[in-house]
Amino acid sequence: QVQLVESGGGLVQAGGSLRLSCVASGSIFRINDMGWYRQAPGKQRELVATVTRSGSPKYANSVTGRFTISRDNTKNTVYLQMNSLKPEDTAVYYCAADHQQWVHTTTFWGQGTQVTVPS
C-alpha cells in the first residue's frame, strides 16, 4: 500500500500564492505519473496538473500560466505552486500517484487539502 499526504492548503486572498506538497510513503516500488486534482462544492473532481516521472507537465487550461507542478523522485514528493489565485480556484485539492508494481499499476489518492480564495 501507498499512502499520500497533502499539505500546504489554506485561506489566501485573491492574487496570492500557495504551495501544495504531497508525500508518498509505504511499500513503494515505482511511482510513474503524479498529479493534482480538485473538487469544488457541487462539482465533479477535475484535473489540475500532472507530471511524468521524467518531469513533463500537463495543465488544465484554467491554471496554465498560473500553476506549476514539479516533483522530487528522491523524496517521492510532488508539488503544486499556485500563483495569482482566484476565487474560482477554491476547492479541495487531491494528490494522486500511479504506483507500478511489476505489471500492475494502481492509482492512489490522498485525503485532500482545502484551498479557499474568498471573493
Protein backbone atom coordinates (compact mmCIF):
# COMPACT_ATOMS: atom_id res chain seq x y z
CA GLN A 1 0.00 0.00 0.00
CA VAL A 2 0.99 3.57 -0.70
CA GLN A 3 -0.11 6.50 1.41
CA LEU A 4 -0.27 10.06 0.12
CA VAL A 5 -0.35 13.01 2.48
CA GLU A 6 -1.02 16.52 1.21
CA SER A 7 -0.11 19.75 2.97
CA GLY A 8 0.03 23.46 2.27
CA GLY A 9 -3.61 24.34 1.80
CA GLY A 10 -5.26 27.29 3.47
CA LEU A 11 -7.02 30.59 3.01
CA VAL A 12 -5.39 33.17 0.76
CA GLN A 13 -6.61 36.41 -0.75
CA ALA A 14 -7.18 36.71 -4.47
CA GLY A 15 -3.92 37.29 -6.26
CA GLY A 16 -1.95 35.46 -3.60
CA SER A 17 0.08 32.25 -3.72
CA LEU A 18 0.15 28.86 -2.07
CA ARG A 19 2.41 25.85 -2.45
CA LEU A 20 0.94 22.40 -2.00
CA SER A 21 3.06 19.36 -1.22
CA CYS A 22 2.24 15.67 -1.36
CA VAL A 23 4.48 12.98 0.04
CA ALA A 24 4.11 9.32 -0.86
CA SER A 25 5.13 6.66 1.64
CA GLY A 26 4.68 2.95 2.26
CA SER A 27 5.68 -0.03 0.13
CA ILE A 28 6.82 1.87 -2.94
CA PHE A 29 8.18 0.07 -5.99
CA ARG A 30 7.89 2.72 -8.66
CA ILE A 31 5.75 5.83 -8.97
CA ASN A 32 5.04 6.93 -12.51
CA ASP A 33 2.70 9.87 -13.12
CA MET A 34 1.77 12.09 -10.19
CA GLY A 35 -0.85 14.77 -10.25
CA TRP A 36 -3.16 17.21 -8.59
CA TYR A 37 -6.93 17.24 -8.92
CA ARG A 38 -9.53 19.44 -7.30
CA GLN A 39 -13.18 19.31 -6.40
CA ALA A 40 -15.26 22.37 -5.69
CA PRO A 41 -18.60 22.14 -3.83
CA GLY A 42 -21.30 20.73 -6.08
CA LYS A 43 -18.86 19.98 -8.89
CA GLN A 44 -17.05 16.92 -10.17
CA ARG A 45 -13.40 16.30 -9.45
CA GLU A 46 -11.25 17.78 -12.20
CA LEU A 47 -7.65 17.51 -13.27
CA VAL A 48 -5.42 20.43 -12.38
CA ALA A 49 -1.97 19.23 -13.42
CA THR A 50 0.04 16.06 -13.88
CA VAL A 51 3.74 15.35 -14.18
CA THR A 52 5.50 12.29 -15.55
CA ARG A 53 8.34 10.57 -13.77
CA SER A 54 10.78 12.39 -16.05
CA GLY A 55 9.21 15.74 -15.17
CA SER A 56 6.99 16.53 -18.16
CA PRO A 57 3.98 18.53 -17.00
CA LYS A 58 0.44 18.93 -18.26
CA TYR A 59 -2.01 21.56 -17.09
CA ALA A 60 -5.69 22.28 -17.25
CA ASN A 61 -6.40 25.34 -19.37
CA SER A 62 -7.81 27.16 -16.36
CA VAL A 63 -4.49 27.09 -14.49
CA THR A 64 -1.95 27.33 -17.31
CA GLY A 65 0.44 30.17 -16.68
CA ARG A 66 -0.50 30.44 -13.00
CA PHE A 67 0.25 27.00 -11.53
CA THR A 68 3.46 24.98 -11.73
CA ILE A 69 3.74 21.29 -10.93
CA SER A 70 7.04 19.69 -10.03
CA ARG A 71 8.32 16.58 -8.30
CA ASP A 72 11.29 15.21 -6.43
CA ASN A 73 11.62 11.50 -7.12
CA THR A 74 14.22 11.09 -4.37
CA LYS A 75 11.61 12.23 -1.86
CA ASN A 76 8.54 10.70 -3.58
CA THR A 77 7.04 14.17 -3.42
CA VAL A 78 5.01 16.27 -5.83
CA TYR A 79 4.45 20.00 -5.50
CA LEU A 80 1.96 22.47 -6.87
CA GLN A 81 2.96 26.12 -6.84
CA MET A 82 -0.18 28.20 -7.24
CA ASN A 83 0.16 31.88 -8.11
CA SER A 84 -2.37 34.58 -8.97
CA LEU A 85 -5.06 32.64 -7.18
CA LYS A 86 -8.69 33.37 -8.00
CA PRO A 87 -11.93 32.69 -6.11
CA GLU A 88 -12.75 30.00 -8.67
CA ASP A 89 -9.66 28.09 -7.53
CA THR A 90 -11.44 27.39 -4.24
CA ALA A 91 -11.69 23.62 -3.84
CA VAL A 92 -10.35 20.58 -2.07
CA TYR A 93 -7.11 19.63 -3.79
CA TYR A 94 -6.22 15.96 -4.05
CA CYS A 95 -2.89 14.38 -4.86
CA ALA A 96 -2.76 11.23 -6.98
CA ALA A 97 0.06 8.85 -7.80
CA ASP A 98 0.26 5.95 -10.26
CA HIS A 99 2.14 3.21 -8.46
CA GLN A 100 3.61 0.42 -10.55
CA GLN A 101 4.50 -2.96 -9.06
CA TRP A 102 5.70 -5.38 -11.75
CA VAL A 103 2.97 -5.22 -14.45
CA HIS A 104 0.29 -3.78 -12.23
CA THR A 105 -0.42 -0.07 -11.85
CA THR A 106 -2.68 1.30 -9.12
CA THR A 107 -3.71 4.90 -8.62
CA PHE A 108 -3.56 6.04 -5.01
CA TRP A 109 -5.20 9.21 -3.68
CA GLY A 110 -4.54 11.50 -0.79
CA GLN A 111 -7.17 12.76 1.64
CA GLY A 112 -7.21 16.25 0.20
CA THR A 113 -6.31 19.72 1.39
CA GLN A 114 -8.66 22.71 1.32
CA VAL A 115 -7.76 25.82 -0.63
CA THR A 116 -10.01 28.83 -0.13
CA VAL A 117 -9.78 32.09 -2.07
CA PRO A 118 -12.51 34.49 -0.90
CA SER A 119 -14.23 36.65 -3.47
